[in-house]
Structures are given as C-alpha cells and as structure tokens.
Amino acid sequence: MSETLHKTPLHALHLELGARMVPFAGYDMPVQYPLGVLKEHLHTREQAGLFDVSHMGQIILRGSDAARALETLVPVDILDLPVGMQRYAMFTNAEGGILDDLMVANLGDDTLFLVVNAACKDQDLAHLRKHIGDRCEIQPLFEERALLALQGPAAVKVLERLAPEVASMTFMQLRPVSLLGNDCFVSRSGYTGEDGYEISVPAAAADTLARRLLAEPEVQPIGLGARDSLRLEAGLCLYGHDMDTTTTPIEASLLWAISKVRRADGARAGGFPGADTVFAQQQTGVARKRVGLLPQERTPVREGAQIVDQAGKVVGEVCSGGFGPTLGAPVTMGYVDSEHAALDTALFAVVRGKQVALKVSKMPFVAQRYYRG
C-alpha cells in the first residue's frame, strides 16, 4: 500500500522519530509519535509543536491581472489584499458549493501565493488553469517546496532564534524570511487556534530545518491525530468533512469569510461562481447550518452519527467529532436543521443505537490565541 503513496521530504525523519504512519490524501503521513495524540495536543497548547504539512499544495500566480482573475473564482477581496498579508478564501462552484478552501497571500510585484488542501490540489490546479490560465501565469510548487507548521505559545520564541524579524509579525502577515540560509515564506498563521507560523521552505532544505526546530527544547513533533483535535477545539473546518461541494459558505457558517466588498451590497458584488445562490441564502436563510455541539456525557460522538430531536426525528448529522484534550471532554460539529441551530438547543446523537445528549454550543470550543499585536 505505502508503495503507491506519495512521501513528503520529511518521510525518513518521521520514521526515525518512531511515527505511526497512515495513508492521508494520497500521502504516507504521521498520525502520531511515541508521545501519543493526547500529550502531543496538550504540548502544542502549552509549548510548541512541529507539524509536517508538506502534502498541502503551494501555487504561485503571477501577472498584473492575477488578483482580478482570482476574484472570479473566490468570494473574497483579493484586489485590496495588502502586500505581505494573507486571507482565507474558498473556491465555489456554480451552485455555490465549496470546491476547496485555501489561503491566498500577496507577495507583491503582482504575485500571489496560494496554499490549497492536499486532496484537492490537482483539481484546484486544473480549475485555475481552465478558468484563469489565459490571464496569469500559474506555477505549482508541489514538488519544489515543503510546508512546516510551528504552532503554540512558544513558537515565536523558537523561530525568532533563527530569524528575529518574525517576532514583530502579526496574525495573517506573511513575509520572505531566510532560515538557515534558505529562502522561505513565513506566515503568522496555522490551523490549531494557537499562535504560530507556517513555513514554506525549499523541499531540499526541509529536513535540515525540521531537525533544527526539533532540537529546540520547547518543540515536539506532532502528528495528524493532534492536528485534528486541535482544529476541532478551535472550531475550524476540515475540507471533505465539514464542507464540500454540497455545502455553501452560508450553510457552513462561513459568511465571515465572504469579504464585504464582494457581498450583495458591496462595491464588487458577486462575480464568483454561485454568487446568486449564496446571496439568496444570505437573504432568506438556509435549511441547515453547521453548528458546534457539546456531548453532555463522555461518549465520543464521531463523524456520520445521526442527530435527532427530543421526539427522535432526524434533524442532522455529525461532520466532525472526537475527544477535546484541552476541554477534557468530547467535542463535535454537525449540520442541523436551522430551527434546531440556536445556542443551547438540546439534541441527541445516535451512537451504536443509543442516544447521547448534545447541546448546541458556540465555537470555538477553546479560545483562539492568534497574535494580533
């Protein structure tokens, strides 16, 4: 099986560190290290965790029309994105469904830097080439660059030892930084809810940089298991689970990610695929919505579990669920009929034939600690 899987530039290091490897998005990836998921999760919250996210897709767009062209595919303000800043975005389809979610950064000199999800990167590249390939240069960096995420409250202390200038960066800033003599792009962002950085590094230098970071006393290697529990506590969506082509940004509770200038009453309203559907939903509401759900007992409630109301009628389905080590309790997200989406609504998940009490909860479950300066 592993013969057919792609390997990141850190694959040998994961094996050396004793990682348990699993197939993920076509890659052989570390799900956990000997420390174990629970301790890896808590270490990231307390110190700093190093994640290999090199399976993600990195793409460069170049040209004077690149920003305007990209706006035809996402409901986000790219034209006014300041140099050195990045923004969360989504590719939508003609029905307003979400093809993928991504990060877009403005590198200056008419150059945009995109990071897309691993499982979607080939189709995203094809999507870009098909729709805006005649308007800008599109350069995939799938093999050339690796991506590391250094997350947690000690991340700034660790990374500024190699590059002091990263300490002054704020949440969602991105800049070129030299790390151990390598040209990197460093953003102050991540997918754990903690302060931290994502580091795009030449693939050939990834192993050396990872070892250097792991040599710091605050840093432990962290696998996909803890990455999932961290992002779940932070109330963050995982593509293919909490949103997909059958869910719109409004259903996914991602209205905040649609820039005001691109909304129905904005200066550059619409112009992205499915805009009419999204605007209509914004006006009239949606039949179902993504909400946070806190199980009222210790039984973990997993993806796919049905959600029922007091009368036992099916009113939704769990899209992500597991144990939240920081909370010391299970955490869940799901889609429920809108009339059941109000905070504190009492519902039940059906787990192995038994009903587990749930309560609709605000997200994030654990307060985000991004550094905003």
Protein backbone atom coordinates (compact mmCIF):
# COMPACT_ATOMS: atom_id res chain seq x y z
CA MET A 1 0.00 0.00 0.00
CA SER A 2 2.66 2.50 1.07
CA GLU A 3 4.47 1.96 -2.25
CA THR A 4 1.69 3.82 -4.08
CA LEU A 5 1.56 6.67 -1.58
CA HIS A 6 3.44 9.93 -2.03
CA LYS A 7 6.05 10.82 0.55
CA THR A 8 6.87 14.27 1.90
CA PRO A 9 10.51 15.41 2.14
CA LEU A 10 10.32 14.62 5.89
CA HIS A 11 9.22 11.00 5.46
CA ALA A 12 12.54 9.48 6.61
CA LEU A 13 12.56 11.80 9.64
CA HIS A 14 9.05 10.67 10.67
CA LEU A 15 10.17 7.03 10.60
CA GLU A 16 13.32 7.89 12.55
CA LEU A 17 11.17 9.61 15.20
CA GLY A 18 9.02 6.50 15.58
CA ALA A 19 5.88 7.90 13.97
CA ARG A 20 2.90 5.69 13.25
CA MET A 21 2.22 6.30 9.57
CA VAL A 22 -1.20 6.24 7.85
CA PRO A 23 -2.44 6.98 4.33
CA PHE A 24 -3.85 10.52 4.15
CA ALA A 25 -4.82 12.43 0.98
CA GLY A 26 -2.57 10.16 -1.09
CA TYR A 27 0.43 10.58 1.22
CA ASP A 28 2.08 8.40 3.84
CA MET A 29 1.69 10.71 6.86
CA PRO A 30 2.43 10.57 10.61
CA VAL A 31 -0.77 10.23 12.66
CA GLN A 32 1.14 10.23 15.95
CA TYR A 33 4.59 9.87 17.50
CA PRO A 34 5.57 7.88 20.63
CA LEU A 35 4.36 10.79 22.82
CA GLY A 36 0.78 9.97 21.77
CA VAL A 37 -2.07 12.11 20.48
CA LEU A 38 -3.25 13.39 23.88
CA LYS A 39 0.19 14.60 25.01
CA GLU A 40 1.03 15.96 21.54
CA HIS A 41 -2.18 18.01 21.64
CA LEU A 42 -1.51 19.40 25.12
CA HIS A 43 2.16 20.08 24.32
CA THR A 44 1.10 22.24 21.36
CA ARG A 45 -1.28 24.20 23.58
CA GLU A 46 1.43 24.69 26.24
CA GLN A 47 4.72 24.91 24.30
CA ALA A 48 5.31 24.40 20.54
CA GLY A 49 4.50 21.60 18.12
CA LEU A 50 6.06 20.99 14.71
CA PHE A 51 3.72 19.65 12.02
CA ASP A 52 4.65 18.39 8.56
CA VAL A 53 2.00 19.81 6.22
CA SER A 54 4.07 19.38 3.05
CA HIS A 55 1.22 17.38 1.49
CA MET A 56 -0.65 20.66 1.02
CA GLY A 57 -0.44 22.29 -2.41
CA GLN A 58 1.52 25.51 -2.91
CA ILE A 59 0.80 27.52 -6.08
CA ILE A 60 2.11 30.87 -7.37
CA LEU A 61 0.01 33.18 -9.58
CA ARG A 62 1.86 35.95 -11.44
CA GLY A 63 0.76 38.84 -13.60
CA SER A 64 -0.89 42.26 -13.44
CA ASP A 65 -4.32 40.64 -13.87
CA ALA A 66 -3.78 37.82 -11.33
CA ALA A 67 -5.74 39.36 -8.44
CA ARG A 68 -8.71 40.35 -10.58
CA ALA A 69 -8.67 36.94 -12.27
CA LEU A 70 -8.63 35.07 -8.95
CA GLU A 71 -11.62 37.14 -7.77
CA THR A 72 -13.71 35.43 -10.47
CA LEU A 73 -13.25 32.14 -8.58
CA VAL A 74 -13.49 33.18 -4.88
CA PRO A 75 -15.94 35.36 -2.86
CA VAL A 76 -13.03 37.25 -1.34
CA ASP A 77 -11.37 40.65 -1.75
CA ILE A 78 -8.06 39.91 -3.47
CA LEU A 79 -7.60 43.25 -5.27
CA ASP A 80 -7.21 45.17 -1.99
CA LEU A 81 -5.25 42.48 -0.13
CA PRO A 82 -2.21 44.38 1.18
CA VAL A 83 1.29 43.23 0.26
CA GLY A 84 2.55 40.93 2.99
CA MET A 85 -0.91 39.80 4.13
CA GLN A 86 -2.85 36.61 3.54
CA ARG A 87 -6.56 35.85 3.59
CA TYR A 88 -8.76 32.78 3.92
CA ALA A 89 -10.71 32.01 0.74
CA MET A 90 -12.92 29.37 -0.88
CA PHE A 91 -13.31 28.14 -4.44
CA THR A 92 -17.06 27.91 -5.15
CA ASN A 93 -18.92 26.07 -7.91
CA ALA A 94 -21.92 27.20 -9.99
CA GLU A 95 -24.31 26.01 -7.25
CA GLY A 96 -22.43 27.92 -4.54
CA GLY A 97 -20.90 24.69 -3.19
CA ILE A 98 -17.35 24.72 -1.84
CA LEU A 99 -14.72 23.11 -4.11
CA ASP A 100 -11.93 23.74 -1.61
CA ASP A 101 -10.79 26.25 1.00
CA LEU A 102 -7.40 27.89 0.72
CA MET A 103 -5.09 30.66 1.86
CA VAL A 104 -4.13 33.49 -0.51
CA ALA A 105 -1.18 35.81 0.19
CA ASN A 106 0.01 38.90 -1.66
CA LEU A 107 3.78 38.67 -2.16
CA GLY A 108 3.94 41.99 -4.04
CA ASP A 109 5.16 42.51 -7.61
CA ASP A 110 1.84 41.14 -8.98
CA THR A 111 2.49 37.79 -7.31
CA LEU A 112 0.01 35.76 -5.25
CA PHE A 113 0.87 32.72 -3.16
CA LEU A 114 -1.83 30.07 -2.63
CA VAL A 115 -1.92 27.13 -0.22
CA VAL A 116 -4.63 24.57 -1.02
CA ASN A 117 -5.68 21.27 0.53
CA ALA A 118 -3.73 18.11 -0.30
CA ALA A 119 -6.68 16.03 -1.50
CA CYS A 120 -7.85 18.86 -3.80
CA LYS A 121 -4.58 20.26 -5.13
CA ASP A 122 -4.60 18.59 -8.56
CA GLN A 123 -8.21 19.55 -9.23
CA ASP A 124 -7.58 23.07 -7.89
CA LEU A 125 -4.66 23.47 -10.27
CA ALA A 126 -6.82 22.25 -13.18
CA HIS A 127 -9.61 24.62 -12.06
CA LEU A 128 -7.24 27.60 -12.05
CA ARG A 129 -5.74 26.70 -15.41
CA LYS A 130 -9.14 26.19 -17.03
CA HIS A 131 -10.70 29.42 -15.79
CA ILE A 132 -7.86 31.95 -15.45
CA GLY A 133 -4.89 30.28 -17.16
CA ASP A 134 -5.11 32.79 -20.01
CA ARG A 135 -5.00 35.75 -17.61
CA CYS A 136 -1.98 34.99 -15.42
CA GLU A 137 0.96 32.63 -15.04
CA ILE A 138 0.14 29.64 -12.81
CA GLN A 139 3.10 27.84 -11.25
CA PRO A 140 2.57 24.81 -9.00
CA LEU A 141 5.27 24.26 -6.37
CA PHE A 142 4.06 20.77 -5.39
CA GLU A 143 7.50 19.15 -5.63
CA GLU A 144 9.74 22.18 -5.12
CA ARG A 145 8.61 23.27 -1.66
CA ALA A 146 7.72 21.71 1.67
CA LEU A 147 5.47 23.24 4.33
CA LEU A 148 6.06 23.14 8.09
CA ALA A 149 3.73 24.47 10.79
CA LEU A 150 5.23 25.55 14.11
CA GLN A 151 2.29 26.06 16.46
CA GLY A 152 1.81 27.02 20.09
CA PRO A 153 2.63 29.82 22.54
CA ALA A 154 6.39 29.13 22.41
CA ALA A 155 6.52 29.20 18.59
CA VAL A 156 7.57 32.85 18.46
CA LYS A 157 10.39 32.31 20.98
CA VAL A 158 11.67 29.33 18.97
CA LEU A 159 11.51 30.84 15.49
CA GLU A 160 12.96 34.23 16.45
CA ARG A 161 16.16 32.42 17.46
CA LEU A 162 16.63 31.70 13.74
CA ALA A 163 15.10 34.92 12.39
CA PRO A 164 14.48 37.75 14.91
CA GLU A 165 12.20 39.62 12.49
CA VAL A 166 9.38 37.05 12.82
CA ALA A 167 8.59 38.28 16.36
CA SER A 168 7.11 41.55 15.07
CA MET A 169 4.75 39.80 12.63
CA THR A 170 1.03 39.71 13.46
CA PHE A 171 -1.72 37.21 12.63
CA MET A 172 -2.08 36.61 8.87
CA GLN A 173 1.08 38.52 7.93
CA LEU A 174 3.43 36.79 5.51
CA ARG A 175 6.97 37.71 4.53
CA PRO A 176 10.07 36.27 2.86
CA VAL A 177 12.46 35.12 5.58
CA SER A 178 15.89 33.49 5.38
CA LEU A 179 16.04 30.43 7.65
CA LEU A 180 19.40 28.64 7.85
CA GLY A 181 20.31 30.37 4.58
CA ASN A 182 17.17 29.17 2.75
CA ASP A 183 14.62 31.45 1.10
CA CYS A 184 11.35 30.77 2.93
CA PHE A 185 7.89 32.32 3.05
CA VAL A 186 6.77 32.60 6.68
CA SER A 187 3.20 33.45 7.68
CA ARG A 188 1.96 34.01 11.22
CA SER A 189 -0.96 31.63 10.98
CA GLY A 190 -1.92 28.00 11.37
CA TYR A 191 -4.81 25.64 11.93
CA THR A 192 -4.67 24.93 15.66
CA GLY A 193 -6.22 28.09 17.11
CA GLU A 194 -2.85 28.86 18.68
CA ASP A 195 -0.29 31.50 17.79
CA GLY A 196 2.30 30.13 15.41
CA TYR A 197 3.80 30.09 11.94
CA GLU A 198 3.57 28.24 8.67
CA ILE A 199 6.89 27.99 6.85
CA SER A 200 7.21 27.32 3.13
CA VAL A 201 10.75 26.01 2.64
CA PRO A 202 12.60 24.56 -0.38
CA ALA A 203 11.98 20.79 -0.30
CA ALA A 204 15.70 20.00 -0.22
CA ALA A 205 16.14 22.08 2.95
CA ALA A 206 13.05 20.84 4.83
CA ASP A 207 14.75 18.01 6.70
CA THR A 208 17.57 20.24 7.98
CA LEU A 209 15.15 22.96 9.10
CA ALA A 210 12.80 20.48 10.79
CA ARG A 211 15.69 18.90 12.72
CA ARG A 212 16.93 22.33 13.78
CA LEU A 213 13.49 23.29 15.10
CA LEU A 214 13.06 19.92 16.84
CA ALA A 215 16.42 20.48 18.59
CA GLU A 216 14.86 23.39 20.49
CA PRO A 217 13.72 22.34 23.99
CA GLU A 218 10.16 23.64 23.56
CA VAL A 219 9.42 21.71 20.34
CA GLN A 220 7.92 18.25 19.86
CA PRO A 221 6.88 16.60 16.57
CA ILE A 222 3.08 16.46 16.24
CA GLY A 223 1.01 14.16 14.01
CA LEU A 224 -2.31 14.34 12.19
CA GLY A 225 -4.23 13.00 15.19
CA ALA A 226 -3.48 16.00 17.37
CA ARG A 227 -3.78 18.35 14.39
CA ASP A 228 -7.37 17.16 14.03
CA SER A 229 -8.25 17.50 17.73
CA LEU A 230 -6.63 20.96 17.89
CA ARG A 231 -8.50 22.32 14.88
CA LEU A 232 -11.75 20.78 16.15
CA GLU A 233 -11.42 22.53 19.52
CA ALA A 234 -10.74 25.74 17.57
CA GLY A 235 -14.00 25.24 15.61
CA LEU A 236 -12.13 25.15 12.28
CA CYS A 237 -13.49 23.33 9.24
CA LEU A 238 -11.74 20.41 7.58
CA TYR A 239 -12.45 20.19 3.86
CA GLY A 240 -14.23 16.99 2.84
CA HIS A 241 -15.71 16.62 6.31
CA ASP A 242 -17.22 19.92 7.47
CA MET A 243 -17.74 21.33 3.99
CA ASP A 244 -17.70 20.09 0.41
CA THR A 245 -19.35 20.69 -2.96
CA THR A 246 -22.79 20.05 -1.42
CA THR A 247 -22.42 22.81 1.20
CA THR A 248 -22.37 26.55 0.62
CA PRO A 249 -20.45 29.12 2.68
CA ILE A 250 -23.73 30.18 4.34
CA GLU A 251 -24.64 26.61 5.34
CA ALA A 252 -21.08 26.08 6.59
CA SER A 253 -21.37 29.21 8.81
CA LEU A 254 -18.58 30.87 6.82
CA LEU A 255 -20.34 34.14 5.93
CA TRP A 256 -17.50 35.95 7.77
CA ALA A 257 -15.14 34.70 5.03
CA ILE A 258 -17.08 36.45 2.26
CA SER A 259 -15.49 39.89 2.01
CA LYS A 260 -17.93 42.81 2.48
CA VAL A 261 -16.91 44.29 -0.87
CA ARG A 262 -17.95 41.04 -2.62
CA ARG A 263 -21.34 40.70 -0.87
CA ALA A 264 -24.65 41.59 -2.50
CA ASP A 265 -24.43 45.25 -1.40
CA GLY A 266 -20.66 45.56 -1.92
CA ALA A 267 -18.74 47.64 -4.47
CA ARG A 268 -17.64 44.50 -6.38
CA ALA A 269 -20.68 42.37 -5.56
CA GLY A 270 -20.74 38.83 -6.87
CA GLY A 271 -18.71 37.82 -9.88
CA PHE A 272 -17.79 34.46 -8.31
CA PRO A 273 -19.40 31.09 -9.15
CA GLY A 274 -22.71 30.50 -7.36
CA ALA A 275 -22.98 34.12 -6.15
CA ASP A 276 -26.73 34.31 -6.80
CA THR A 277 -27.36 31.19 -4.69
CA VAL A 278 -25.14 32.44 -1.87
CA PHE A 279 -26.78 35.90 -1.83
CA ALA A 280 -30.29 34.37 -1.89
CA GLN A 281 -29.38 32.18 1.09
CA GLN A 282 -27.96 35.18 2.91
CA GLN A 283 -31.31 36.96 2.43
CA THR A 284 -33.77 34.14 3.09
CA GLY A 285 -31.73 31.80 5.26
CA VAL A 286 -30.80 28.16 4.80
CA ALA A 287 -32.49 24.89 5.71
CA ARG A 288 -29.45 23.58 7.61
CA LYS A 289 -26.39 25.02 9.25
CA ARG A 290 -23.04 23.95 10.71
CA VAL A 291 -23.05 24.32 14.49
CA GLY A 292 -20.88 23.39 17.45
CA LEU A 293 -22.24 20.57 19.62
CA LEU A 294 -21.07 19.57 23.09
CA PRO A 295 -21.91 16.00 24.12
CA GLN A 296 -23.29 16.04 27.67
CA GLU A 297 -21.55 12.77 28.59
CA ARG A 298 -18.12 11.34 27.93
CA THR A 299 -19.13 9.14 24.97
CA PRO A 300 -17.23 10.37 21.88
CA VAL A 301 -19.56 11.25 19.00
CA ARG A 302 -17.95 10.67 15.61
CA GLU A 303 -18.46 11.83 12.04
CA GLY A 304 -21.54 10.32 10.38
CA ALA A 305 -23.60 9.93 13.56
CA GLN A 306 -27.23 10.96 13.12
CA ILE A 307 -28.57 13.87 15.17
CA VAL A 308 -32.15 13.62 16.41
CA ASP A 309 -34.50 15.94 18.29
CA GLN A 310 -36.41 15.24 21.51
CA ALA A 311 -39.03 13.31 19.54
CA GLY A 312 -36.41 11.11 17.89
CA LYS A 313 -36.77 12.75 14.46
CA VAL A 314 -33.54 13.00 12.43
CA VAL A 315 -32.58 16.68 12.21
CA GLY A 316 -28.93 16.48 11.17
CA GLU A 317 -25.62 14.67 11.03
CA VAL A 318 -22.23 14.97 12.73
CA CYS A 319 -19.44 16.12 10.37
CA SER A 320 -16.51 16.11 12.85
CA GLY A 321 -16.21 14.74 16.34
CA GLY A 322 -13.74 13.43 18.86
CA PHE A 323 -12.21 14.00 22.26
CA GLY A 324 -11.03 17.52 23.11
CA PRO A 325 -7.97 17.08 25.37
CA THR A 326 -7.88 20.77 26.39
CA LEU A 327 -11.54 20.65 27.44
CA GLY A 328 -11.20 17.16 28.84
CA ALA A 329 -14.46 16.30 27.10
CA PRO A 330 -15.82 15.26 23.69
CA VAL A 331 -16.39 17.98 21.06
CA THR A 332 -18.47 17.78 17.92
CA MET A 333 -19.56 19.81 14.90
CA GLY A 334 -22.54 18.95 12.76
CA TYR A 335 -25.16 20.15 10.31
CA VAL A 336 -28.62 20.55 11.82
CA ASP A 337 -31.95 21.87 10.54
CA SER A 338 -31.93 25.63 11.06
CA GLU A 339 -34.83 25.57 13.54
CA HIS A 340 -32.59 23.50 15.83
CA ALA A 341 -29.45 25.63 15.39
CA ALA A 342 -30.00 28.13 18.24
CA LEU A 343 -27.46 28.10 21.09
CA ASP A 344 -28.23 25.69 23.94
CA THR A 345 -30.76 23.68 21.89
CA ALA A 346 -30.95 20.17 23.35
CA LEU A 347 -30.43 17.39 20.79
CA PHE A 348 -29.17 13.80 20.72
CA ALA A 349 -26.59 11.91 18.67
CA VAL A 350 -27.29 8.27 17.89
CA VAL A 351 -24.17 6.27 18.80
CA ARG A 352 -24.37 2.49 18.35
CA GLY A 353 -28.12 2.61 18.75
CA LYS A 354 -28.04 4.71 21.92
CA GLN A 355 -28.91 8.39 22.28
CA VAL A 356 -26.16 10.69 23.58
CA ALA A 357 -27.36 14.11 24.77
CA LEU A 358 -25.92 17.11 22.89
CA LYS A 359 -26.17 20.85 23.37
CA VAL A 360 -25.71 23.38 20.56
CA SER A 361 -22.66 25.41 21.58
CA LYS A 362 -20.79 28.46 20.40
CA MET A 363 -17.46 27.96 18.66
CA PRO A 364 -14.53 27.96 19.09
CA PHE A 365 -14.77 25.48 21.96
CA VAL A 366 -11.31 26.63 23.12
CA ALA A 367 -10.47 30.34 22.79
CA GLN A 368 -8.21 31.15 19.82
CA ARG A 369 -4.93 32.79 20.74
CA TYR A 370 -3.77 34.35 17.47
CA TYR A 371 -1.26 37.18 17.90
CA ARG A 372 -2.82 40.39 16.62
CA GLY A 373 -0.24 42.77 18.03
